[in-house]
């Protein structure tokens, strides 16, 4: 599930899934083909701040959120 909130100060995005496994920042080796594992590394690189959601969302077991602020 995806939640997006926008206000003049920031864009806040939360992504929830059903897996009980904790989110992990993975940095696969260059040239390694993988279908998963790069999402949090990308978030870590571009987001102003991010973290693990403390609230649950219905049937979803965990969530990760990040925020982007306007340039300037």
Protein backbone atom coordinates (compact mmCIF):
# COMPACT_ATOMS: atom_id res chain seq x y z
CA UNK A 1 0.00 0.00 0.00
CA UNK A 2 1.21 3.47 -0.83
CA UNK A 3 0.37 6.70 1.03
CA UNK A 4 1.44 10.08 -0.28
CA UNK A 5 1.00 13.39 1.54
CA UNK A 6 2.06 16.70 0.09
CA UNK A 7 2.22 20.08 1.77
CA UNK A 8 4.28 23.19 0.96
CA UNK A 9 7.14 22.04 3.18
CA UNK A 10 7.56 18.41 2.09
CA UNK A 11 6.43 15.31 0.26
CA UNK A 12 5.87 12.39 2.66
CA UNK A 13 5.62 8.88 1.17
CA UNK A 14 4.86 5.68 3.11
CA UNK A 15 5.02 2.21 1.59
CA UNK A 16 3.56 -0.78 3.44
CA UNK A 17 3.75 -4.49 2.67
CA UNK A 18 2.60 -7.77 4.19
CA UNK A 19 6.02 -9.23 4.92
CA UNK A 20 6.93 -9.44 8.61
CA UNK A 21 10.64 -9.29 7.70
CA UNK A 22 12.29 -6.04 8.80
CA UNK A 23 13.40 -3.68 6.04
CA UNK A 24 17.10 -3.88 5.20
CA UNK A 25 19.26 -1.48 3.22
CA UNK A 26 21.08 -3.63 0.67
CA UNK A 27 23.93 -2.53 -1.57
CA UNK A 28 24.29 -5.26 -4.21
CA UNK A 29 27.62 -5.39 -5.99
CA UNK A 30 27.86 -3.49 -9.25
CA UNK A 31 26.75 -5.56 -12.20
CA UNK A 32 24.77 -8.02 -10.09
CA UNK A 33 21.26 -8.56 -11.45
CA UNK A 34 18.61 -8.65 -8.72
CA UNK A 35 14.85 -8.19 -8.73
CA UNK A 36 14.77 -6.81 -5.19
CA UNK A 37 16.95 -5.21 -2.57
CA UNK A 38 17.77 -1.82 -4.06
CA UNK A 39 14.75 0.20 -2.93
CA UNK A 40 16.01 1.33 0.45
CA UNK A 41 19.46 2.08 -0.92
CA UNK A 42 17.80 4.44 -3.41
CA UNK A 43 15.66 5.99 -0.67
CA UNK A 44 18.72 6.44 1.54
CA UNK A 45 20.52 8.21 -1.31
CA UNK A 46 17.82 10.68 -2.39
CA UNK A 47 15.54 11.26 0.62
CA UNK A 48 16.04 14.09 3.08
CA UNK A 49 14.97 11.72 5.86
CA UNK A 50 13.47 8.24 6.08
CA UNK A 51 12.58 5.54 8.58
CA UNK A 52 10.45 2.56 9.47
CA UNK A 53 6.77 3.30 10.03
CA UNK A 54 5.67 2.71 13.60
CA UNK A 55 2.00 2.29 12.72
CA UNK A 56 0.50 -0.67 10.95
CA UNK A 57 -1.92 -0.19 8.10
CA UNK A 58 -4.66 -2.82 8.20
CA UNK A 59 -3.27 -6.16 7.10
CA UNK A 60 0.15 -4.71 6.27
CA UNK A 61 2.91 -5.83 8.60
CA UNK A 62 5.50 -3.12 8.08
CA UNK A 63 6.11 0.15 6.37
CA UNK A 64 8.89 2.46 5.35
CA UNK A 65 8.50 6.21 4.92
CA UNK A 66 10.62 8.96 3.41
CA UNK A 67 10.41 12.69 2.96
CA UNK A 68 11.55 15.00 0.20
CA UNK A 69 11.75 18.75 0.68
CA UNK A 70 11.71 21.33 -2.10
CA UNK A 71 15.07 22.58 -3.29
CA UNK A 72 16.17 25.91 -1.93
